[in-house]
Amino acid sequence: MQQFVKKAFLFASLAFAPYVILVIIFVLKDPFRIHTYPPYIDGFHHINRGVVTTNGYLKSSNVNTVIFGNSRSLSIRCEDLIEFCYPCKKCFHFDASGDNQHGFAQKVKLISQHQDKLNEVFIFLDDQAISTTPHEPNRFPFVRHPVYGEKTWMEFYFVFLSQYLKLPYQYAHLTKNHSMGKWWVQELNYQDCSFEESSADYRSAKENQIELDSLSFYRNNSELPQAFEDVTYDMSSTQQDSLQQIIESLEALGAQCTIIFQPRYTRTHPSIETLDAIKKKMPQTNVFDASHFDVILNNDGYWYETSHFRPIAGKMILEAIYSGEIPPHALQLP
């Protein structure tokens, strides 16, 4: 019996030793960068940008401009915005993968608890970001920071730890089989979504440069499908009311709000009825529809894949808005 117990203990030790080692690495190395903040380097693990940017906001001070958006808005960089909007100098990009109005509302509440003044707020929307439904709250790329109250710190850590202990995940990590394309990682790895002054400390001039022939590279190496047909979408009354509440909370902080519907390679566009409804309910808000920006839509070189446009396209969107090429929406229906 004693021999059996020894063998069983030895077997259990060998079986569980790798998991114990992984738990120790998880605690010491913070592989998902749960406790880091922008600017940061993705490394080999998929980073929960919502957690990272929340850490960044809580660490920041004197923020006067905020950009809300999902992973597509990541290519709208603070350093580019500042070129066209000088008062936006203390800019913070509060993005998160898969974020939508549910996440925006949480962040606005957090901001209201930490400061009493904002100058400018830019909200980037598309057919997914208009949703008010929580985005897969139990998956590690989308779980919300505990500061928002959806999960306790224990539940929050468990979401990441359980993913880290999965053998298929470890295999993908060890073989560097990442979901994010290498060119996207290379171009965005060092991008700063916080104050522009700090970006130089983390990014060399070469890493920050967008080469003149990069459009040709992406266009010539593109594996994007043929052009999609244009499709319009509507915001429900619930979604409109949610957006109005977000805008009113931001205006209470003194913010001038700007809503920008960003382009999608899939050519989804907000309907005229939706744009008119937003303008009627939120008359002090600037509303721009960049979803028809054909210069970007008709050139594969501006896209990583069908979901995400590149920073060079993001800067072009800002330039088109501030130059008047993309005019603010004016009421079109009675």
C-alpha atoms as a PDB file:
ATOM      1  CA  MET A   1       0.000   0.000   0.000  1.00  0.00           C
ATOM      2  CA  GLN A   2       2.799   2.389   0.914  1.00  0.00           C
ATOM      3  CA  GLN A   3       4.534   1.627  -2.386  1.00  0.00           C
ATOM      4  CA  PHE A   4       1.326   2.371  -4.269  1.00  0.00           C
ATOM      5  CA  VAL A   5       0.949   5.716  -2.499  1.00  0.00           C
ATOM      6  CA  LYS A   6       4.526   6.650  -3.414  1.00  0.00           C
ATOM      7  CA  LYS A   7       3.958   5.752  -7.066  1.00  0.00           C
ATOM      8  CA  ALA A   8       0.675   7.635  -7.144  1.00  0.00           C
ATOM      9  CA  PHE A   9       2.313  10.686  -5.587  1.00  0.00           C
ATOM     10  CA  LEU A  10       5.189  10.506  -8.083  1.00  0.00           C
ATOM     11  CA  PHE A  11       2.775  10.177 -10.990  1.00  0.00           C
ATOM     12  CA  ALA A  12       0.673  13.095  -9.761  1.00  0.00           C
ATOM     13  CA  SER A  13       3.792  15.210  -9.268  1.00  0.00           C
ATOM     14  CA  LEU A  14       4.983  14.537 -12.811  1.00  0.00           C
ATOM     15  CA  ALA A  15       1.527  15.121 -14.243  1.00  0.00           C
ATOM     16  CA  PHE A  16       0.903  18.409 -12.459  1.00  0.00           C
ATOM     17  CA  ALA A  17       4.455  19.779 -12.458  1.00  0.00           C
ATOM     18  CA  PRO A  18       4.079  21.507 -15.876  1.00  0.00           C
ATOM     19  CA  TYR A  19       0.911  23.241 -14.664  1.00  0.00           C
ATOM     20  CA  VAL A  20       2.613  24.374 -11.471  1.00  0.00           C
ATOM     21  CA  ILE A  21       5.463  25.787 -13.549  1.00  0.00           C
ATOM     22  CA  LEU A  22       3.009  27.577 -15.833  1.00  0.00           C
ATOM     23  CA  VAL A  23       1.192  29.102 -12.869  1.00  0.00           C
ATOM     24  CA  ILE A  24       4.507  30.395 -11.496  1.00  0.00           C
ATOM     25  CA  ILE A  25       5.403  31.870 -14.904  1.00  0.00           C
ATOM     26  CA  PHE A  26       1.936  33.421 -15.139  1.00  0.00           C
ATOM     27  CA  VAL A  27       2.344  35.125 -11.757  1.00  0.00           C
ATOM     28  CA  LEU A  28       5.929  36.288 -12.282  1.00  0.00           C
ATOM     29  CA  LYS A  29       5.960  37.190 -15.979  1.00  0.00           C
ATOM     30  CA  ASP A  30       2.433  38.583 -16.505  1.00  0.00           C
ATOM     31  CA  PRO A  31       2.355  37.094 -20.054  1.00  0.00           C
ATOM     32  CA  PHE A  32      -0.918  38.811 -20.966  1.00  0.00           C
ATOM     33  CA  ARG A  33       0.390  42.181 -19.733  1.00  0.00           C
ATOM     34  CA  ILE A  34      -2.543  42.472 -17.335  1.00  0.00           C
ATOM     35  CA  HIS A  35      -0.658  45.048 -15.285  1.00  0.00           C
ATOM     36  CA  THR A  36       0.955  47.006 -18.080  1.00  0.00           C
ATOM     37  CA  TYR A  37      -0.231  50.117 -19.875  1.00  0.00           C
ATOM     38  CA  PRO A  38       0.412  51.821 -23.211  1.00  0.00           C
ATOM     39  CA  PRO A  39       2.782  52.174 -24.894  1.00  0.00           C
ATOM     40  CA  TYR A  40       3.672  48.496 -24.773  1.00  0.00           C
ATOM     41  CA  ILE A  41       4.872  45.641 -26.948  1.00  0.00           C
ATOM     42  CA  ASP A  42       2.462  42.805 -27.706  1.00  0.00           C
ATOM     43  CA  GLY A  43       5.048  40.050 -27.535  1.00  0.00           C
ATOM     44  CA  PHE A  44       3.764  36.532 -28.213  1.00  0.00           C
ATOM     45  CA  HIS A  45       0.489  36.673 -26.297  1.00  0.00           C
ATOM     46  CA  HIS A  46      -2.777  38.190 -27.405  1.00  0.00           C
ATOM     47  CA  ILE A  47      -3.177  41.346 -25.338  1.00  0.00           C
ATOM     48  CA  ASN A  48      -6.509  42.456 -23.921  1.00  0.00           C
ATOM     49  CA  ARG A  49      -6.337  46.052 -25.081  1.00  0.00           C
ATOM     50  CA  GLY A  50      -9.333  47.058 -22.975  1.00  0.00           C
ATOM     51  CA  VAL A  51      -7.451  46.090 -19.823  1.00  0.00           C
ATOM     52  CA  VAL A  52      -4.216  47.716 -20.953  1.00  0.00           C
ATOM     53  CA  THR A  53      -5.834  51.002 -21.961  1.00  0.00           C
ATOM     54  CA  THR A  54      -7.823  51.098 -18.716  1.00  0.00           C
ATOM     55  CA  ASN A  55      -4.546  50.735 -16.813  1.00  0.00           C
ATOM     56  CA  GLY A  56      -3.163  53.496 -18.998  1.00  0.00           C
ATOM     57  CA  TYR A  57      -6.046  55.840 -18.288  1.00  0.00           C
ATOM     58  CA  LEU A  58      -5.847  55.243 -14.532  1.00  0.00           C
ATOM     59  CA  LYS A  59      -2.142  56.090 -14.703  1.00  0.00           C
ATOM     60  CA  SER A  60      -2.600  59.166 -16.887  1.00  0.00           C
ATOM     61  CA  SER A  61      -3.199  62.728 -15.753  1.00  0.00           C
ATOM     62  CA  ASN A  62      -4.458  65.894 -17.393  1.00  0.00           C
ATOM     63  CA  VAL A  63      -6.230  64.062 -20.227  1.00  0.00           C
ATOM     64  CA  ASN A  64      -8.237  66.576 -22.249  1.00  0.00           C
ATOM     65  CA  THR A  65      -9.090  64.509 -25.331  1.00  0.00           C
ATOM     66  CA  VAL A  66     -10.334  60.918 -25.539  1.00  0.00           C
ATOM     67  CA  ILE A  67     -10.835  58.617 -28.520  1.00  0.00           C
ATOM     68  CA  PHE A  68     -13.328  55.786 -28.051  1.00  0.00           C
ATOM     69  CA  GLY A  69     -13.412  52.876 -30.492  1.00  0.00           C
ATOM     70  CA  ASN A  70     -12.802  49.210 -31.142  1.00  0.00           C
ATOM     71  CA  SER A  71      -9.789  47.493 -32.705  1.00  0.00           C
ATOM     72  CA  ARG A  72     -10.469  49.266 -36.003  1.00  0.00           C
ATOM     73  CA  SER A  73     -10.027  52.675 -34.412  1.00  0.00           C
ATOM     74  CA  LEU A  74      -6.542  51.619 -33.277  1.00  0.00           C
ATOM     75  CA  SER A  75      -5.257  53.062 -36.553  1.00  0.00           C
ATOM     76  CA  ILE A  76      -6.537  56.503 -35.517  1.00  0.00           C
ATOM     77  CA  ARG A  77      -3.438  57.620 -33.648  1.00  0.00           C
ATOM     78  CA  CYS A  78      -3.240  60.448 -31.152  1.00  0.00           C
ATOM     79  CA  GLU A  79      -0.078  61.771 -32.759  1.00  0.00           C
ATOM     80  CA  ASP A  80      -1.954  62.104 -36.067  1.00  0.00           C
ATOM     81  CA  LEU A  81      -4.989  63.732 -34.464  1.00  0.00           C
ATOM     82  CA  ILE A  82      -2.798  66.356 -32.823  1.00  0.00           C
ATOM     83  CA  GLU A  83      -1.567  67.473 -36.259  1.00  0.00           C
ATOM     84  CA  PHE A  84      -5.106  68.600 -37.099  1.00  0.00           C
ATOM     85  CA  CYS A  85      -6.445  69.415 -33.640  1.00  0.00           C
ATOM     86  CA  TYR A  86      -3.882  71.319 -31.592  1.00  0.00           C
ATOM     87  CA  PRO A  87      -6.131  71.578 -28.481  1.00  0.00           C
ATOM     88  CA  CYS A  88      -6.148  67.748 -28.490  1.00  0.00           C
ATOM     89  CA  LYS A  89      -2.530  67.661 -27.298  1.00  0.00           C
ATOM     90  CA  LYS A  90      -3.264  65.634 -24.151  1.00  0.00           C
ATOM     91  CA  CYS A  91      -4.930  62.840 -26.095  1.00  0.00           C
ATOM     92  CA  PHE A  92      -5.684  59.340 -24.877  1.00  0.00           C
ATOM     93  CA  HIS A  93      -6.945  56.546 -27.148  1.00  0.00           C
ATOM     94  CA  PHE A  94      -9.280  54.474 -24.980  1.00  0.00           C
ATOM     95  CA  ASP A  95      -9.789  51.560 -27.364  1.00  0.00           C
ATOM     96  CA  ALA A  96     -10.532  47.886 -26.748  1.00  0.00           C
ATOM     97  CA  SER A  97     -10.839  44.889 -29.038  1.00  0.00           C
ATOM     98  CA  GLY A  98     -14.469  44.352 -29.958  1.00  0.00           C
ATOM     99  CA  ASP A  99     -15.592  47.354 -27.947  1.00  0.00           C
ATOM    100  CA  ASN A 100     -19.004  48.880 -28.422  1.00  0.00           C
ATOM    101  CA  GLN A 101     -21.449  51.224 -26.710  1.00  0.00           C
ATOM    102  CA  HIS A 102     -21.587  48.981 -23.648  1.00  0.00           C
ATOM    103  CA  GLY A 103     -17.858  49.493 -23.143  1.00  0.00           C
ATOM    104  CA  PHE A 104     -17.980  53.186 -24.024  1.00  0.00           C
ATOM    105  CA  ALA A 105     -20.607  53.790 -21.336  1.00  0.00           C
ATOM    106  CA  GLN A 106     -18.464  52.040 -18.728  1.00  0.00           C
ATOM    107  CA  LYS A 107     -15.438  54.118 -19.655  1.00  0.00           C
ATOM    108  CA  VAL A 108     -17.396  57.366 -19.579  1.00  0.00           C
ATOM    109  CA  LYS A 109     -18.536  56.515 -16.061  1.00  0.00           C
ATOM    110  CA  LEU A 110     -14.926  55.778 -15.071  1.00  0.00           C
ATOM    111  CA  ILE A 111     -13.755  59.070 -16.545  1.00  0.00           C
ATOM    112  CA  SER A 112     -16.504  60.948 -14.702  1.00  0.00           C
ATOM    113  CA  GLN A 113     -15.228  59.475 -11.441  1.00  0.00           C
ATOM    114  CA  HIS A 114     -11.654  60.664 -12.074  1.00  0.00           C
ATOM    115  CA  GLN A 115     -11.951  64.079 -13.693  1.00  0.00           C
ATOM    116  CA  ASP A 116     -14.457  66.893 -14.111  1.00  0.00           C
ATOM    117  CA  LYS A 117     -13.332  68.342 -17.442  1.00  0.00           C
ATOM    118  CA  LEU A 118     -12.789  67.172 -21.023  1.00  0.00           C
ATOM    119  CA  ASN A 119     -12.294  69.252 -24.157  1.00  0.00           C
ATOM    120  CA  GLU A 120     -12.791  66.861 -27.059  1.00  0.00           C
ATOM    121  CA  VAL A 121     -14.150  63.326 -27.429  1.00  0.00           C
ATOM    122  CA  PHE A 122     -14.118  61.306 -30.656  1.00  0.00           C
ATOM    123  CA  ILE A 123     -16.351  58.238 -30.878  1.00  0.00           C
ATOM    124  CA  PHE A 124     -15.647  55.867 -33.776  1.00  0.00           C
ATOM    125  CA  LEU A 125     -18.622  53.708 -34.717  1.00  0.00           C
ATOM    126  CA  ASP A 126     -19.435  51.008 -37.242  1.00  0.00           C
ATOM    127  CA  ASP A 127     -22.037  48.270 -37.644  1.00  0.00           C
ATOM    128  CA  GLN A 128     -20.539  46.359 -34.682  1.00  0.00           C
ATOM    129  CA  ALA A 129     -19.576  49.230 -32.366  1.00  0.00           C
ATOM    130  CA  ILE A 130     -23.179  50.497 -32.253  1.00  0.00           C
ATOM    131  CA  SER A 131     -24.162  47.401 -30.256  1.00  0.00           C
ATOM    132  CA  THR A 132     -25.077  47.771 -26.587  1.00  0.00           C
ATOM    133  CA  THR A 133     -24.474  44.088 -25.782  1.00  0.00           C
ATOM    134  CA  PRO A 134     -21.402  43.049 -23.700  1.00  0.00           C
ATOM    135  CA  HIS A 135     -18.817  41.496 -25.995  1.00  0.00           C
ATOM    136  CA  GLU A 136     -17.998  37.915 -24.898  1.00  0.00           C
ATOM    137  CA  PRO A 137     -17.267  38.862 -21.261  1.00  0.00           C
ATOM    138  CA  ASN A 138     -15.806  35.446 -20.378  1.00  0.00           C
ATOM    139  CA  ARG A 139     -13.160  35.294 -23.120  1.00  0.00           C
ATOM    140  CA  PHE A 140      -9.724  36.592 -22.221  1.00  0.00           C
ATOM    141  CA  PRO A 141      -9.334  39.080 -25.118  1.00  0.00           C
ATOM    142  CA  PHE A 142     -12.599  40.771 -24.146  1.00  0.00           C
ATOM    143  CA  VAL A 143     -13.082  40.390 -20.379  1.00  0.00           C
ATOM    144  CA  ARG A 144     -13.480  43.775 -18.719  1.00  0.00           C
ATOM    145  CA  HIS A 145     -11.090  45.274 -16.183  1.00  0.00           C
ATOM    146  CA  PRO A 146     -12.333  44.646 -12.601  1.00  0.00           C
ATOM    147  CA  VAL A 147     -12.587  48.407 -12.067  1.00  0.00           C
ATOM    148  CA  TYR A 148     -15.829  48.290 -14.076  1.00  0.00           C
ATOM    149  CA  GLY A 149     -17.403  45.892 -11.584  1.00  0.00           C
ATOM    150  CA  GLU A 150     -18.382  43.069 -13.957  1.00  0.00           C
ATOM    151  CA  LYS A 151     -15.969  40.619 -12.332  1.00  0.00           C
ATOM    152  CA  THR A 152     -14.015  40.394  -9.121  1.00  0.00           C
ATOM    153  CA  TRP A 153     -10.230  40.412  -9.334  1.00  0.00           C
ATOM    154  CA  MET A 154     -10.240  36.658  -8.629  1.00  0.00           C
ATOM    155  CA  GLU A 155     -12.676  35.943 -11.470  1.00  0.00           C
ATOM    156  CA  PHE A 156     -10.721  38.263 -13.738  1.00  0.00           C
ATOM    157  CA  TYR A 157      -7.389  36.492 -13.144  1.00  0.00           C
ATOM    158  CA  PHE A 158      -9.007  33.086 -13.559  1.00  0.00           C
ATOM    159  CA  VAL A 159     -10.160  33.952 -17.100  1.00  0.00           C
ATOM    160  CA  PHE A 160      -6.546  34.559 -18.155  1.00  0.00           C
ATOM    161  CA  LEU A 161      -5.024  31.733 -16.131  1.00  0.00           C
ATOM    162  CA  SER A 162      -7.450  29.139 -17.480  1.00  0.00           C
ATOM    163  CA  GLN A 163      -6.545  30.197 -21.026  1.00  0.00           C
ATOM    164  CA  TYR A 164      -2.832  30.106 -20.254  1.00  0.00           C
ATOM    165  CA  LEU A 165      -3.071  26.533 -18.949  1.00  0.00           C
ATOM    166  CA  LYS A 166      -4.759  25.164 -22.061  1.00  0.00           C
ATOM    167  CA  LEU A 167      -2.411  22.918 -24.017  1.00  0.00           C
ATOM    168  CA  PRO A 168      -3.596  24.097 -27.479  1.00  0.00           C
ATOM    169  CA  TYR A 169      -2.902  27.676 -26.437  1.00  0.00           C
ATOM    170  CA  GLN A 170       0.589  26.788 -25.227  1.00  0.00           C
ATOM    171  CA  TYR A 171       1.260  24.923 -28.474  1.00  0.00           C
ATOM    172  CA  ALA A 172       0.183  27.960 -30.511  1.00  0.00           C
ATOM    173  CA  HIS A 173       2.379  30.157 -28.339  1.00  0.00           C
ATOM    174  CA  LEU A 174       5.469  27.942 -28.528  1.00  0.00           C
ATOM    175  CA  THR A 175       5.148  27.528 -32.308  1.00  0.00           C
ATOM    176  CA  LYS A 176       4.485  31.275 -32.712  1.00  0.00           C
ATOM    177  CA  ASN A 177       1.220  30.499 -34.479  1.00  0.00           C
ATOM    178  CA  HIS A 178      -0.310  33.889 -33.779  1.00  0.00           C
ATOM    179  CA  SER A 179      -3.697  35.072 -34.923  1.00  0.00           C
ATOM    180  CA  MET A 180      -2.392  38.540 -35.769  1.00  0.00           C
ATOM    181  CA  GLY A 181      -0.543  38.888 -39.080  1.00  0.00           C
ATOM    182  CA  LYS A 182       3.169  39.595 -38.766  1.00  0.00           C
ATOM    183  CA  TRP A 183       3.014  42.785 -40.812  1.00  0.00           C
ATOM    184  CA  TRP A 184       0.250  44.201 -38.623  1.00  0.00           C
ATOM    185  CA  VAL A 185       2.227  43.382 -35.505  1.00  0.00           C
ATOM    186  CA  GLN A 186       5.363  44.914 -36.996  1.00  0.00           C
ATOM    187  CA  GLU A 187       3.643  48.185 -37.822  1.00  0.00           C
ATOM    188  CA  LEU A 188       1.569  48.566 -34.649  1.00  0.00           C
ATOM    189  CA  ASN A 189       3.774  46.874 -32.069  1.00  0.00           C
ATOM    190  CA  TYR A 190       5.288  50.098 -30.814  1.00  0.00           C
ATOM    191  CA  GLN A 191       2.412  52.484 -31.415  1.00  0.00           C
ATOM    192  CA  ASP A 192       1.497  54.705 -28.497  1.00  0.00           C
ATOM    193  CA  CYS A 193      -2.173  55.283 -27.758  1.00  0.00           C
ATOM    194  CA  SER A 194      -1.452  57.730 -24.976  1.00  0.00           C
ATOM    195  CA  PHE A 195       0.382  61.067 -24.782  1.00  0.00           C
ATOM    196  CA  GLU A 196       2.536  61.717 -27.811  1.00  0.00           C
ATOM    197  CA  GLU A 197       5.515  62.869 -25.732  1.00  0.00           C
ATOM    198  CA  SER A 198       6.168  59.342 -24.468  1.00  0.00           C
ATOM    199  CA  SER A 199       6.105  57.622 -27.845  1.00  0.00           C
ATOM    200  CA  ALA A 200       9.689  58.522 -28.736  1.00  0.00           C
ATOM    201  CA  ASP A 201      10.933  56.555 -25.747  1.00  0.00           C
ATOM    202  CA  TYR A 202       9.429  53.361 -27.124  1.00  0.00           C
ATOM    203  CA  ARG A 203       9.614  53.714 -30.865  1.00  0.00           C
ATOM    204  CA  SER A 204      12.562  54.506 -33.102  1.00  0.00           C
ATOM    205  CA  ALA A 205      12.207  56.682 -36.177  1.00  0.00           C
ATOM    206  CA  LYS A 206      12.410  53.602 -38.394  1.00  0.00           C
ATOM    207  CA  GLU A 207       9.585  51.856 -36.537  1.00  0.00           C
ATOM    208  CA  ASN A 208       7.452  54.985 -36.676  1.00  0.00           C
ATOM    209  CA  GLN A 209       7.974  55.587 -40.387  1.00  0.00           C
ATOM    210  CA  ILE A 210       5.392  54.529 -42.928  1.00  0.00           C
ATOM    211  CA  GLU A 211       7.411  53.817 -46.046  1.00  0.00           C
ATOM    212  CA  LEU A 212       6.278  55.397 -49.290  1.00  0.00           C
ATOM    213  CA  ASP A 213       6.078  52.032 -51.022  1.00  0.00           C
ATOM    214  CA  SER A 214       4.097  50.376 -48.240  1.00  0.00           C
ATOM    215  CA  LEU A 215       0.823  50.776 -50.163  1.00  0.00           C
ATOM    216  CA  SER A 216       2.361  48.880 -53.044  1.00  0.00           C
ATOM    217  CA  PHE A 217       3.557  46.173 -50.668  1.00  0.00           C
ATOM    218  CA  TYR A 218       0.149  45.646 -49.109  1.00  0.00           C
ATOM    219  CA  ARG A 219      -1.662  45.918 -52.424  1.00  0.00           C
ATOM    220  CA  ASN A 220       0.679  43.463 -54.181  1.00  0.00           C
ATOM    221  CA  ASN A 221       0.573  40.994 -51.297  1.00  0.00           C
ATOM    222  CA  SER A 222      -3.118  41.348 -50.619  1.00  0.00           C
ATOM    223  CA  GLU A 223      -5.286  38.258 -50.353  1.00  0.00           C
ATOM    224  CA  LEU A 224      -8.477  40.228 -49.792  1.00  0.00           C
ATOM    225  CA  PRO A 225     -11.661  39.041 -51.497  1.00  0.00           C
ATOM    226  CA  GLN A 226     -13.351  40.842 -54.346  1.00  0.00           C
ATOM    227  CA  ALA A 227     -15.174  44.074 -53.571  1.00  0.00           C
ATOM    228  CA  PHE A 228     -18.327  43.809 -51.485  1.00  0.00           C
ATOM    229  CA  GLU A 229     -21.695  45.331 -52.341  1.00  0.00           C
ATOM    230  CA  ASP A 230     -22.709  48.403 -50.355  1.00  0.00           C
ATOM    231  CA  VAL A 231     -25.054  47.621 -47.441  1.00  0.00           C
ATOM    232  CA  THR A 232     -26.704  50.044 -45.033  1.00  0.00           C
ATOM    233  CA  TYR A 233     -27.562  49.431 -41.400  1.00  0.00           C
ATOM    234  CA  ASP A 234     -29.800  51.178 -38.872  1.00  0.00           C
ATOM    235  CA  MET A 235     -29.343  51.957 -35.202  1.00  0.00           C
ATOM    236  CA  SER A 236     -32.261  50.792 -33.090  1.00  0.00           C
ATOM    237  CA  SER A 237     -34.013  53.207 -30.749  1.00  0.00           C
ATOM    238  CA  THR A 238     -32.284  51.467 -27.837  1.00  0.00           C
ATOM    239  CA  GLN A 239     -28.879  51.993 -29.429  1.00  0.00           C
ATOM    240  CA  GLN A 240     -29.692  55.621 -30.195  1.00  0.00           C
ATOM    241  CA  ASP A 241     -30.807  56.233 -26.605  1.00  0.00           C
ATOM    242  CA  SER A 242     -27.626  54.617 -25.302  1.00  0.00           C
ATOM    243  CA  LEU A 243     -25.500  56.852 -27.521  1.00  0.00           C
ATOM    244  CA  GLN A 244     -27.458  59.903 -26.387  1.00  0.00           C
ATOM    245  CA  GLN A 245     -26.804  59.046 -22.736  1.00  0.00           C
ATOM    246  CA  ILE A 246     -23.083  58.661 -23.451  1.00  0.00           C
ATOM    247  CA  ILE A 247     -23.004  62.029 -25.237  1.00  0.00           C
ATOM    248  CA  GLU A 248     -24.932  63.780 -22.455  1.00  0.00           C
ATOM    249  CA  SER A 249     -22.532  62.418 -19.821  1.00  0.00           C
ATOM    250  CA  LEU A 250     -19.556  63.644 -21.847  1.00  0.00           C
ATOM    251  CA  GLU A 251     -21.144  67.051 -22.459  1.00  0.00           C
ATOM    252  CA  ALA A 252     -21.627  67.335 -18.701  1.00  0.00           C
ATOM    253  CA  LEU A 253     -17.817  67.250 -18.526  1.00  0.00           C
ATOM    254  CA  GLY A 254     -17.659  70.099 -21.026  1.00  0.00           C
ATOM    255  CA  ALA A 255     -16.635  67.924 -23.968  1.00  0.00           C
ATOM    256  CA  GLN A 256     -17.294  68.727 -27.596  1.00  0.00           C
ATOM    257  CA  CYS A 257     -18.273  65.331 -28.995  1.00  0.00           C
ATOM    258  CA  THR A 258     -17.595  64.077 -32.513  1.00  0.00           C
ATOM    259  CA  ILE A 259     -19.055  60.855 -33.888  1.00  0.00           C
ATOM    260  CA  ILE A 260     -17.268  59.301 -36.856  1.00  0.00           C
ATOM    261  CA  PHE A 261     -18.598  56.271 -38.702  1.00  0.00           C
ATOM    262  CA  GLN A 262     -15.423  54.562 -39.861  1.00  0.00           C
ATOM    263  CA  PRO A 263     -14.974  52.719 -43.182  1.00  0.00           C
ATOM    264  CA  ARG A 264     -15.310  48.961 -43.420  1.00  0.00           C
ATOM    265  CA  TYR A 265     -13.826  46.915 -46.245  1.00  0.00           C
ATOM    266  CA  THR A 266     -17.148  45.053 -46.235  1.00  0.00           C
ATOM    267  CA  ARG A 267     -18.797  48.372 -47.264  1.00  0.00           C
ATOM    268  CA  THR A 268     -21.347  48.655 -44.482  1.00  0.00           C
ATOM    269  CA  HIS A 269     -22.730  52.159 -44.044  1.00  0.00           C
ATOM    270  CA  PRO A 270     -25.107  53.856 -41.607  1.00  0.00           C
ATOM    271  CA  SER A 271     -28.421  54.757 -43.174  1.00  0.00           C
ATOM    272  CA  ILE A 272     -29.488  58.367 -43.737  1.00  0.00           C
ATOM    273  CA  GLU A 273     -32.284  57.736 -41.216  1.00  0.00           C
ATOM    274  CA  THR A 274     -29.715  56.757 -38.589  1.00  0.00           C
ATOM    275  CA  LEU A 275     -27.498  59.771 -39.265  1.00  0.00           C
ATOM    276  CA  ASP A 276     -30.497  62.102 -39.143  1.00  0.00           C
ATOM    277  CA  ALA A 277     -31.777  60.540 -35.913  1.00  0.00           C
ATOM    278  CA  ILE A 278     -28.387  61.047 -34.227  1.00  0.00           C
ATOM    279  CA  LYS A 279     -28.192  64.651 -35.370  1.00  0.00           C
ATOM    280  CA  LYS A 280     -31.732  65.387 -34.154  1.00  0.00           C
ATOM    281  CA  LYS A 281     -31.211  63.798 -30.749  1.00  0.00           C
ATOM    282  CA  MET A 282     -27.701  65.172 -30.297  1.00  0.00           C
ATOM    283  CA  PRO A 283     -27.695  68.525 -32.126  1.00  0.00           C
ATOM    284  CA  GLN A 284     -24.477  69.791 -30.523  1.00  0.00           C
ATOM    285  CA  THR A 285     -22.545  66.725 -31.659  1.00  0.00           C
ATOM    286  CA  ASN A 286     -20.481  66.702 -34.839  1.00  0.00           C
ATOM    287  CA  VAL A 287     -21.396  63.691 -36.982  1.00  0.00           C
ATOM    288  CA  PHE A 288     -19.242  62.482 -39.876  1.00  0.00           C
ATOM    289  CA  ASP A 289     -19.842  59.526 -42.166  1.00  0.00           C
ATOM    290  CA  ALA A 290     -16.419  58.308 -43.340  1.00  0.00           C
ATOM    291  CA  SER A 291     -17.800  54.892 -44.271  1.00  0.00           C
ATOM    292  CA  HIS A 292     -18.054  56.017 -47.934  1.00  0.00           C
ATOM    293  CA  PHE A 293     -14.433  57.194 -48.142  1.00  0.00           C
ATOM    294  CA  ASP A 294     -13.733  55.538 -51.497  1.00  0.00           C
ATOM    295  CA  VAL A 295     -10.051  56.486 -51.613  1.00  0.00           C
ATOM    296  CA  ILE A 296      -9.520  53.896 -48.871  1.00  0.00           C
ATOM    297  CA  LEU A 297     -12.277  51.471 -49.825  1.00  0.00           C
ATOM    298  CA  ASN A 298     -11.003  51.074 -53.387  1.00  0.00           C
ATOM    299  CA  ASN A 299      -7.351  50.407 -52.538  1.00  0.00           C
ATOM    300  CA  ASP A 300      -6.342  47.156 -50.836  1.00  0.00           C
ATOM    301  CA  GLY A 301      -3.066  48.773 -49.828  1.00  0.00           C
ATOM    302  CA  TYR A 302      -4.853  50.609 -47.026  1.00  0.00           C
ATOM    303  CA  TRP A 303      -6.052  47.387 -45.354  1.00  0.00           C
ATOM    304  CA  TYR A 304      -4.463  44.681 -43.224  1.00  0.00           C
ATOM    305  CA  GLU A 305      -7.453  42.445 -43.916  1.00  0.00           C
ATOM    306  CA  THR A 306     -11.187  42.942 -44.315  1.00  0.00           C
ATOM    307  CA  SER A 307     -11.694  44.262 -40.777  1.00  0.00           C
ATOM    308  CA  HIS A 308      -8.849  46.703 -40.112  1.00  0.00           C
ATOM    309  CA  PHE A 309      -7.484  49.660 -42.028  1.00  0.00           C
ATOM    310  CA  ARG A 310      -3.908  50.816 -41.506  1.00  0.00           C
ATOM    311  CA  PRO A 311      -2.632  53.945 -39.699  1.00  0.00           C
ATOM    312  CA  ILE A 312      -1.876  55.679 -42.993  1.00  0.00           C
ATOM    313  CA  ALA A 313      -5.603  55.364 -43.791  1.00  0.00           C
ATOM    314  CA  GLY A 314      -6.529  56.573 -40.315  1.00  0.00           C
ATOM    315  CA  LYS A 315      -4.528  59.746 -40.843  1.00  0.00           C
ATOM    316  CA  MET A 316      -6.189  60.260 -44.225  1.00  0.00           C
ATOM    317  CA  ILE A 317      -9.615  60.038 -42.586  1.00  0.00           C
ATOM    318  CA  LEU A 318      -8.669  62.733 -40.077  1.00  0.00           C
ATOM    319  CA  GLU A 319      -7.212  64.926 -42.799  1.00  0.00           C
ATOM    320  CA  ALA A 320     -10.351  64.537 -44.943  1.00  0.00           C
ATOM    321  CA  ILE A 321     -12.568  65.530 -41.995  1.00  0.00           C
ATOM    322  CA  TYR A 322     -10.542  68.568 -40.975  1.00  0.00           C
ATOM    323  CA  SER A 323     -10.091  69.726 -44.590  1.00  0.00           C
ATOM    324  CA  GLY A 324     -13.802  69.472 -45.324  1.00  0.00           C
ATOM    325  CA  GLU A 325     -13.434  66.677 -47.877  1.00  0.00           C
ATOM    326  CA  ILE A 326     -15.699  64.640 -45.598  1.00  0.00           C
ATOM    327  CA  PRO A 327     -18.303  67.204 -44.503  1.00  0.00           C
ATOM    328  CA  PRO A 328     -20.312  67.021 -41.277  1.00  0.00           C
ATOM    329  CA  HIS A 329     -23.689  65.388 -41.690  1.00  0.00           C
ATOM    330  CA  ALA A 330     -26.584  67.773 -42.289  1.00  0.00           C
ATOM    331  CA  LEU A 331     -30.232  66.750 -41.853  1.00  0.00           C
ATOM    332  CA  GLN A 332     -31.572  65.310 -45.096  1.00  0.00           C
ATOM    333  CA  LEU A 333     -35.005  63.976 -44.187  1.00  0.00           C
ATOM    334  CA  PRO A 334     -37.974  65.983 -42.876  1.00  0.00           C
END
